[in-house]
């Protein structure tokens, strides 16, 4: 039984999977290959959303530690390259934009152009590499078929999530309720990587020195008061149902500004410029809109050097986790058990609703794009948790100073 939450996508996948099973029926009786003891080349597929790319970054270190002499190649969309760049455990990044993802769907002339124009040379490249092991972290039958099977990867590993498990050497059982990071590490058990402590599963983003210097220069250029808290805020998310709303963020900034000296840096992509600008206009001084101006790695550098990160459920929260930055994350349609950042210094706000977790673009309770679960989070509630985090930081700083005396 396929493990897909969207009922329409599930039925479609079931039909396609049945047809593919009949086509590849003779292949299912083959003798499956054994796991190579000393693989020379390993291919990892993480072709989906940027948040998923971020959450998978913790696996590469452990694969390289397990097989120190192997070449690790990671295939991802163009949006994932900035996340993986500079990672010392990755030897090669293969960029490929699959036409079924929203980010490229509108740019493609059609599946036929991709199928007959872009796919054949990619398959040829994968075959030419003669990968010993291939792992699709998502469990997508399209990735399994086109890249692992047709790419003739020797030992193929993925989930029995959306079909194609009969093409694999190892198909792990997909648990919908498992945290996304844990799902990645569960697949590594097939190659002997087990019992990794939770703190070693957090995302890993590797910044270049020039990016860190640029972030420092931005802080200095804004003439932030020395005692001002540098808050990095990302009000955007993958869809509007996960957003708290610009009025709430603006009210929160005004609320905490009455008691604390804060400088707020709003980050995001070009599509999020307008919501960030709306927050800035409603918030007064010491609020800076960098959305659409800074690339994701530059925004990551701001997060790393900031005092606190605040945002919705998005990739930025997981990037903050990679640096161990104190974070306040607002969750609504998604649950902490499945999506919260792996960060020791994390505070989550989540109000459980009967319809959660929810994958709808419109709230089933209100009929609007913004979910009732996000609307239920009040400014005063967020402000109280903010103050708690600030007090903890002050106490930690005082203890550090006492230890130096």
Protein backbone atom coordinates (compact mmCIF):
# COMPACT_ATOMS: atom_id res chain seq x y z
CA UNK A 1 0.00 0.00 0.00
CA UNK A 2 1.41 3.38 -1.03
CA UNK A 3 2.20 5.93 1.71
CA UNK A 4 0.97 9.17 0.08
CA UNK A 5 -1.23 11.56 2.07
CA UNK A 6 -2.87 13.42 -0.83
CA UNK A 7 -5.75 11.11 -1.94
CA UNK A 8 -5.73 12.24 -5.59
CA UNK A 9 -1.97 11.81 -5.93
CA UNK A 10 -2.23 8.46 -4.16
CA UNK A 11 -4.82 7.07 -6.59
CA UNK A 12 -2.83 8.33 -9.57
CA UNK A 13 0.38 6.78 -8.23
CA UNK A 14 -1.39 3.46 -7.59
CA UNK A 15 -2.53 3.21 -11.21
CA UNK A 16 0.90 4.15 -12.58
CA UNK A 17 2.65 1.81 -10.17
CA UNK A 18 0.43 -1.11 -11.24
CA UNK A 19 1.17 -0.47 -14.92
CA UNK A 20 4.90 -0.23 -14.24
CA UNK A 21 4.80 -3.42 -12.20
CA UNK A 22 3.26 -5.27 -15.14
CA UNK A 23 5.86 -3.82 -17.52
CA UNK A 24 8.75 -4.79 -15.24
CA UNK A 25 7.23 -8.08 -14.04
CA UNK A 26 10.03 -10.24 -15.51
CA UNK A 27 12.58 -8.02 -13.78
CA UNK A 28 11.06 -8.70 -10.36
CA UNK A 29 12.26 -12.32 -10.52
CA UNK A 30 15.90 -11.30 -10.89
CA UNK A 31 18.46 -12.19 -8.27
CA UNK A 32 19.05 -9.03 -6.26
CA UNK A 33 22.61 -7.85 -5.86
CA UNK A 34 24.43 -7.73 -2.54
CA UNK A 35 25.53 -4.53 -0.84
CA UNK A 36 29.09 -3.65 -1.94
CA UNK A 37 31.50 -3.85 0.99
CA UNK A 38 33.74 -1.04 -0.26
CA UNK A 39 31.74 1.15 -2.65
CA UNK A 40 33.74 3.51 -4.83
CA UNK A 41 30.86 5.77 -5.89
CA UNK A 42 27.59 6.62 -4.13
CA UNK A 43 24.72 8.65 -5.61
CA UNK A 44 22.24 10.44 -3.32
CA UNK A 45 19.01 11.86 -4.77
CA UNK A 46 17.43 14.87 -3.04
CA UNK A 47 15.53 16.50 -5.89
CA UNK A 48 12.53 17.95 -4.06
CA UNK A 49 11.87 21.02 -1.92
CA UNK A 50 14.58 23.23 -0.47
CA UNK A 51 13.53 22.44 3.10
CA UNK A 52 14.00 18.74 2.39
CA UNK A 53 17.43 19.47 0.89
CA UNK A 54 18.40 21.30 4.09
CA UNK A 55 17.13 18.54 6.39
CA UNK A 56 19.14 15.94 4.47
CA UNK A 57 22.48 17.72 4.88
CA UNK A 58 23.25 15.85 8.08
CA UNK A 59 23.61 12.49 6.31
CA UNK A 60 26.64 13.21 4.11
CA UNK A 61 29.14 13.39 6.95
CA UNK A 62 28.10 9.96 8.22
CA UNK A 63 28.21 8.39 4.76
CA UNK A 64 31.73 9.74 4.23
CA UNK A 65 32.79 8.51 7.67
CA UNK A 66 31.41 5.06 6.85
CA UNK A 67 33.07 4.96 3.41
CA UNK A 68 35.96 7.49 3.57
CA UNK A 69 37.40 6.56 0.15
CA UNK A 70 34.15 6.71 -1.81
CA UNK A 71 33.04 9.53 -4.09
CA UNK A 72 29.71 11.02 -2.95
CA UNK A 73 27.58 12.63 -5.67
CA UNK A 74 24.35 14.43 -4.79
CA UNK A 75 21.69 15.15 -7.41
CA UNK A 76 19.45 18.11 -6.62
CA UNK A 77 17.48 20.91 -8.26
CA UNK A 78 19.12 24.26 -8.91
CA UNK A 79 17.53 25.59 -5.69
CA UNK A 80 19.48 23.02 -3.68
CA UNK A 81 22.95 23.93 -4.91
CA UNK A 82 23.34 26.91 -2.57
CA UNK A 83 22.55 24.65 0.38
CA UNK A 84 25.10 21.99 -0.61
CA UNK A 85 27.86 24.30 -1.79
CA UNK A 86 31.00 24.15 0.34
CA UNK A 87 30.03 20.86 2.01
CA UNK A 88 33.36 19.01 2.51
CA UNK A 89 31.64 15.61 2.53
CA UNK A 90 30.17 16.02 -0.97
CA UNK A 91 32.46 15.41 -3.95
CA UNK A 92 30.05 16.30 -6.75
CA UNK A 93 26.75 18.16 -7.13
CA UNK A 94 24.64 17.11 -10.12
CA UNK A 95 22.04 19.76 -10.96
CA UNK A 96 18.80 18.56 -12.51
CA UNK A 97 15.39 20.23 -12.41
CA UNK A 98 12.67 17.59 -12.59
CA UNK A 99 9.55 18.85 -14.42
CA UNK A 100 7.12 17.60 -11.77
CA UNK A 101 8.26 20.09 -9.13
CA UNK A 102 6.38 23.38 -8.83
CA UNK A 103 9.54 25.48 -9.07
CA UNK A 104 10.19 24.35 -12.67
CA UNK A 105 6.77 23.21 -13.88
CA UNK A 106 5.93 26.56 -15.49
CA UNK A 107 9.35 26.87 -17.09
CA UNK A 108 9.25 23.56 -18.92
CA UNK A 109 7.79 23.34 -22.43
CA UNK A 110 6.44 19.96 -21.43
CA UNK A 111 7.29 16.48 -20.29
CA UNK A 112 8.09 15.37 -23.84
CA UNK A 113 10.90 17.91 -24.15
CA UNK A 114 12.30 16.72 -20.82
CA UNK A 115 11.77 13.04 -21.62
CA UNK A 116 13.48 13.11 -25.02
CA UNK A 117 15.76 16.12 -24.64
CA UNK A 118 17.12 16.39 -21.10
CA UNK A 119 16.67 12.92 -19.62
CA UNK A 120 18.72 10.76 -22.09
CA UNK A 121 22.05 12.59 -21.58
CA UNK A 122 21.51 12.55 -17.81
CA UNK A 123 20.90 8.78 -17.82
CA UNK A 124 24.02 8.38 -19.96
CA UNK A 125 26.04 10.37 -17.42
CA UNK A 126 24.76 8.28 -14.49
CA UNK A 127 25.51 5.05 -16.34
CA UNK A 128 28.97 6.33 -17.19
CA UNK A 129 29.73 6.86 -13.51
CA UNK A 130 28.87 3.21 -12.66
CA UNK A 131 27.55 4.05 -9.20
CA UNK A 132 27.86 1.22 -6.69
CA UNK A 133 25.07 2.51 -4.42
CA UNK A 134 22.18 4.86 -5.12
CA UNK A 135 19.80 6.23 -2.47
CA UNK A 136 16.64 8.20 -3.19
CA UNK A 137 15.85 9.89 0.12
CA UNK A 138 12.29 10.82 -0.89
CA UNK A 139 10.95 7.44 -1.99
CA UNK A 140 9.63 8.74 -5.31
CA UNK A 141 8.98 6.10 -8.00
CA UNK A 142 9.98 8.63 -10.70
CA UNK A 143 13.42 9.05 -9.14
CA UNK A 144 13.74 5.30 -8.66
CA UNK A 145 12.79 4.52 -12.27
CA UNK A 146 14.53 7.28 -14.23
CA UNK A 147 17.73 7.77 -12.25
CA UNK A 148 18.46 4.63 -10.20
CA UNK A 149 17.01 1.89 -12.43
CA UNK A 150 17.60 3.34 -15.91
CA UNK A 151 20.90 4.76 -14.63
CA UNK A 152 21.95 1.16 -13.88
CA UNK A 153 23.01 1.87 -10.31
CA UNK A 154 24.17 -1.45 -8.86
CA UNK A 155 22.58 -1.33 -5.38
CA UNK A 156 19.42 0.77 -5.20
CA UNK A 157 17.88 1.92 -1.90
CA UNK A 158 14.71 3.90 -1.17
CA UNK A 159 11.27 3.76 0.45
CA UNK A 160 8.14 1.83 -0.53
CA UNK A 161 6.35 5.18 -0.46
CA UNK A 162 5.02 5.83 -3.96
CA UNK A 163 5.82 2.63 -5.82
CA UNK A 164 8.74 1.15 -7.70
CA UNK A 165 10.02 -0.90 -4.76
CA UNK A 166 10.27 -3.94 -7.07
CA UNK A 167 13.10 -2.09 -8.87
CA UNK A 168 15.12 -1.74 -5.66
CA UNK A 169 17.60 -3.98 -3.90
CA UNK A 170 16.44 -2.57 -0.57
CA UNK A 171 13.01 -1.01 0.05
CA UNK A 172 12.51 0.41 3.55
CA UNK A 173 9.05 0.73 5.10
CA UNK A 174 7.90 4.36 4.98
CA UNK A 175 6.53 5.79 8.24
CA UNK A 176 4.41 8.90 7.60
CA UNK A 177 4.65 10.03 11.23
CA UNK A 178 8.44 9.87 11.47
CA UNK A 179 10.35 13.15 11.52
CA UNK A 180 11.71 14.08 8.08
CA UNK A 181 15.30 13.99 9.34
CA UNK A 182 14.76 10.56 10.89
CA UNK A 183 13.40 9.31 7.55
CA UNK A 184 16.70 10.24 5.91
CA UNK A 185 18.74 8.41 8.53
CA UNK A 186 16.49 5.35 8.48
CA UNK A 187 17.58 4.70 4.89
CA UNK A 188 21.22 4.83 5.94
CA UNK A 189 20.65 1.73 8.05
CA UNK A 190 20.70 -0.23 4.79
CA UNK A 191 24.39 0.63 4.38
CA UNK A 192 25.35 -0.04 7.99
CA UNK A 193 24.96 3.45 9.47
CA UNK A 194 22.97 3.04 12.68
CA UNK A 195 22.44 4.47 16.17
CA UNK A 196 23.45 8.03 15.31
CA UNK A 197 22.79 10.39 18.27
CA UNK A 198 20.05 12.96 17.64
CA UNK A 199 22.43 15.90 18.08
CA UNK A 200 24.55 14.57 15.20
CA UNK A 201 21.61 14.47 12.79
CA UNK A 202 21.10 18.24 12.60
CA UNK A 203 21.52 19.99 9.24
CA UNK A 204 24.98 21.17 8.26
CA UNK A 205 25.45 24.34 6.23
CA UNK A 206 29.02 25.40 5.43
CA UNK A 207 29.49 29.11 4.79
CA UNK A 208 32.45 30.75 3.10
CA UNK A 209 34.42 33.42 4.92
CA UNK A 210 33.41 36.09 2.40
CA UNK A 211 29.73 35.44 3.17
CA UNK A 212 30.33 35.79 6.90
CA UNK A 213 32.24 39.04 6.33
CA UNK A 214 29.41 40.37 4.16
CA UNK A 215 26.88 39.66 6.92
CA UNK A 216 29.07 41.45 9.44
CA UNK A 217 29.35 44.43 7.10
CA UNK A 218 25.56 44.61 6.77
CA UNK A 219 25.15 44.77 10.54
CA UNK A 220 27.81 47.48 10.78
CA UNK A 221 26.32 49.51 7.91
CA UNK A 222 22.96 49.78 9.69
CA UNK A 223 24.63 51.33 12.77
CA UNK A 224 22.93 48.96 15.18
CA UNK A 225 23.23 50.08 18.82
CA UNK A 226 25.79 47.96 20.65
CA UNK A 227 23.26 46.52 23.10
CA UNK A 228 20.58 45.88 20.45
CA UNK A 229 19.39 42.32 19.87
CA UNK A 230 19.87 41.28 16.24
CA UNK A 231 16.73 39.35 15.31
CA UNK A 232 16.59 37.58 11.96
CA UNK A 233 12.98 37.05 10.92
CA UNK A 234 11.56 35.03 8.04
CA UNK A 235 7.79 35.66 7.69
CA UNK A 236 7.44 33.52 4.56
CA UNK A 237 6.82 29.80 4.04
CA UNK A 238 6.18 27.23 1.31
CA UNK A 239 2.48 28.15 1.20
CA UNK A 240 0.25 30.76 2.83
CA UNK A 241 -1.41 28.30 5.18
CA UNK A 242 1.89 28.10 7.10
CA UNK A 243 2.26 31.88 7.45
CA UNK A 244 1.44 33.82 10.59
CA UNK A 245 0.64 36.96 8.59
CA UNK A 246 2.37 40.33 8.19
CA UNK A 247 0.11 42.13 10.67
CA UNK A 248 0.91 39.63 13.41
CA UNK A 249 4.65 39.89 12.81
CA UNK A 250 4.48 43.69 12.78
CA UNK A 251 2.44 43.77 16.01
CA UNK A 252 4.95 41.41 17.61
CA UNK A 253 7.88 43.66 16.65
CA UNK A 254 6.12 46.73 18.02
CA UNK A 255 5.26 44.85 21.22
CA UNK A 256 8.80 43.72 22.04
CA UNK A 257 10.30 47.06 20.94
CA UNK A 258 8.54 48.74 23.87
CA UNK A 259 10.68 46.75 26.31
CA UNK A 260 13.83 45.74 24.41
CA UNK A 261 16.29 47.35 22.03
CA UNK A 262 15.91 45.20 18.91
CA UNK A 263 17.05 45.40 15.30
CA UNK A 264 15.01 43.16 13.01
CA UNK A 265 16.33 41.89 9.68
CA UNK A 266 13.61 40.47 7.44
CA UNK A 267 14.83 37.79 5.04
CA UNK A 268 13.24 35.94 2.14
CA UNK A 269 13.22 35.54 -1.63
CA UNK A 270 11.85 37.96 -4.23
CA UNK A 271 8.31 36.63 -3.84
CA UNK A 272 8.44 37.47 -0.14
CA UNK A 273 9.59 41.06 -0.61
CA UNK A 274 6.07 42.48 -0.40
CA UNK A 275 5.14 40.79 2.87
CA UNK A 276 8.47 41.86 4.38
CA UNK A 277 7.96 45.42 3.18
CA UNK A 278 4.45 45.45 4.67
CA UNK A 279 5.91 44.38 8.02
CA UNK A 280 8.57 47.09 7.80
CA UNK A 281 6.00 49.80 7.04
CA UNK A 282 3.93 48.81 10.08
CA UNK A 283 6.88 48.41 12.44
CA UNK A 284 8.71 51.71 12.54
CA UNK A 285 12.47 52.06 12.95
CA UNK A 286 15.23 49.45 13.19
CA UNK A 287 13.48 47.04 10.80
CA UNK A 288 15.39 46.19 7.62
CA UNK A 289 13.98 44.43 4.57
CA UNK A 290 16.59 42.26 2.79
CA UNK A 291 14.10 39.98 1.00
CA UNK A 292 14.93 39.51 -2.66
CA UNK A 293 18.20 41.38 -2.24
CA UNK A 294 20.23 38.69 -0.50
CA UNK A 295 20.67 35.13 -1.73
CA UNK A 296 19.93 32.23 0.57
CA UNK A 297 23.56 31.74 1.61
CA UNK A 298 23.87 35.43 2.47
CA UNK A 299 20.67 35.18 4.51
CA UNK A 300 22.14 32.10 6.20
CA UNK A 301 25.19 34.16 7.16
CA UNK A 302 22.90 36.76 8.77
CA UNK A 303 21.17 33.99 10.72
CA UNK A 304 24.51 32.58 11.89
CA UNK A 305 25.63 35.96 13.27
CA UNK A 306 22.26 37.03 14.63
CA UNK A 307 21.16 36.72 18.25
CA UNK A 308 17.86 34.98 17.48
CA UNK A 309 15.84 33.57 14.59
CA UNK A 310 12.04 33.84 14.38
CA UNK A 311 9.91 32.36 11.62
CA UNK A 312 7.25 29.95 10.40
CA UNK A 313 7.82 26.35 9.36
CA UNK A 314 10.30 26.83 6.50
CA UNK A 315 13.80 25.93 5.36
CA UNK A 316 15.22 28.97 7.18
CA UNK A 317 14.36 27.48 10.57
CA UNK A 318 16.37 24.37 9.71
CA UNK A 319 19.25 26.54 8.51
CA UNK A 320 19.18 28.30 11.90
CA UNK A 321 19.33 24.86 13.52
CA UNK A 322 22.52 24.07 11.62
CA UNK A 323 24.20 26.99 13.43
CA UNK A 324 22.59 26.33 16.82
CA UNK A 325 21.03 29.81 16.84
CA UNK A 326 18.26 30.36 19.45
CA UNK A 327 15.05 30.00 17.45
CA UNK A 328 11.35 30.63 17.90
CA UNK A 329 9.34 28.67 15.32
CA UNK A 330 5.60 29.00 14.70
CA UNK A 331 3.97 25.77 13.52
CA UNK A 332 0.41 25.28 12.34
CA UNK A 333 -0.52 22.85 9.54
CA UNK A 334 2.63 20.81 10.17
CA UNK A 335 3.42 19.08 13.45
CA UNK A 336 6.56 19.32 15.64
CA UNK A 337 6.89 15.53 15.58
CA UNK A 338 7.44 15.59 11.82
CA UNK A 339 8.90 18.98 10.97
CA UNK A 340 10.43 20.88 13.88
CA UNK A 341 14.09 21.91 13.45
CA UNK A 342 16.66 19.76 15.25
CA UNK A 343 18.04 22.50 17.46
CA UNK A 344 18.85 22.32 21.18
CA UNK A 345 18.02 26.01 21.46
CA UNK A 346 14.59 25.71 19.85
CA UNK A 347 11.25 26.98 21.12
CA UNK A 348 8.15 25.91 19.19
CA UNK A 349 4.63 27.28 19.28
CA UNK A 350 2.06 24.78 18.10
CA UNK A 351 -1.68 24.55 18.74
CA UNK A 352 -3.01 21.11 17.90
CA UNK A 353 -6.16 21.01 15.78
CA UNK A 354 -8.18 17.89 14.84
CA UNK A 355 -7.30 18.43 11.16
CA UNK A 356 -3.55 18.58 11.79
CA UNK A 357 -1.30 17.68 10.04
CA UNK A 358 -2.80 19.37 7.00
CA UNK A 359 -1.48 19.53 3.44
CA UNK A 360 -4.26 21.72 2.03
CA UNK A 361 -3.60 25.06 0.32
CA UNK A 362 -6.80 26.43 1.88
CA UNK A 363 -7.90 25.93 5.47
CA UNK A 364 -10.74 23.41 5.77
CA UNK A 365 -12.08 25.30 8.81
CA UNK A 366 -12.11 28.87 7.48
CA UNK A 367 -12.04 28.38 3.71
CA UNK A 368 -9.23 30.96 3.47
CA UNK A 369 -5.56 30.57 2.54
CA UNK A 370 -4.40 31.26 6.08
CA UNK A 371 -5.02 28.42 8.48
CA UNK A 372 -7.07 28.72 11.66
CA UNK A 373 -4.19 27.00 13.46
CA UNK A 374 -1.84 29.88 12.61
CA UNK A 375 -4.45 32.51 13.44
CA UNK A 376 -4.86 30.94 16.89
CA UNK A 377 -1.28 31.95 17.77
CA UNK A 378 -1.50 35.28 19.59
CA UNK A 379 1.07 38.08 19.61
CA UNK A 380 1.20 38.11 23.42
CA UNK A 381 1.94 34.38 23.48
CA UNK A 382 4.88 34.77 21.09
CA UNK A 383 6.15 37.80 23.04
CA UNK A 384 6.18 35.86 26.32
CA UNK A 385 8.27 33.08 24.80
CA UNK A 386 10.56 35.67 23.23
CA UNK A 387 11.20 37.18 26.66
CA UNK A 388 11.93 33.73 28.08
CA UNK A 389 14.55 33.12 25.39
CA UNK A 390 16.12 36.54 26.03
CA UNK A 391 16.35 35.85 29.77
CA UNK A 392 18.01 32.49 29.09
CA UNK A 393 20.55 34.16 26.82
CA UNK A 394 21.31 36.81 29.44
CA UNK A 395 21.77 34.14 32.12
CA UNK A 396 24.03 32.13 29.81
CA UNK A 397 26.10 35.24 29.07
CA UNK A 398 26.43 36.12 32.77
CA UNK A 399 27.59 32.59 33.63
CA UNK A 400 30.18 32.79 30.86
CA UNK A 401 31.46 36.11 32.19
CA UNK A 402 31.66 34.74 35.74
CA UNK A 403 33.67 31.79 34.48
CA UNK A 404 36.19 34.11 32.85
CA UNK A 405 36.75 36.15 36.01
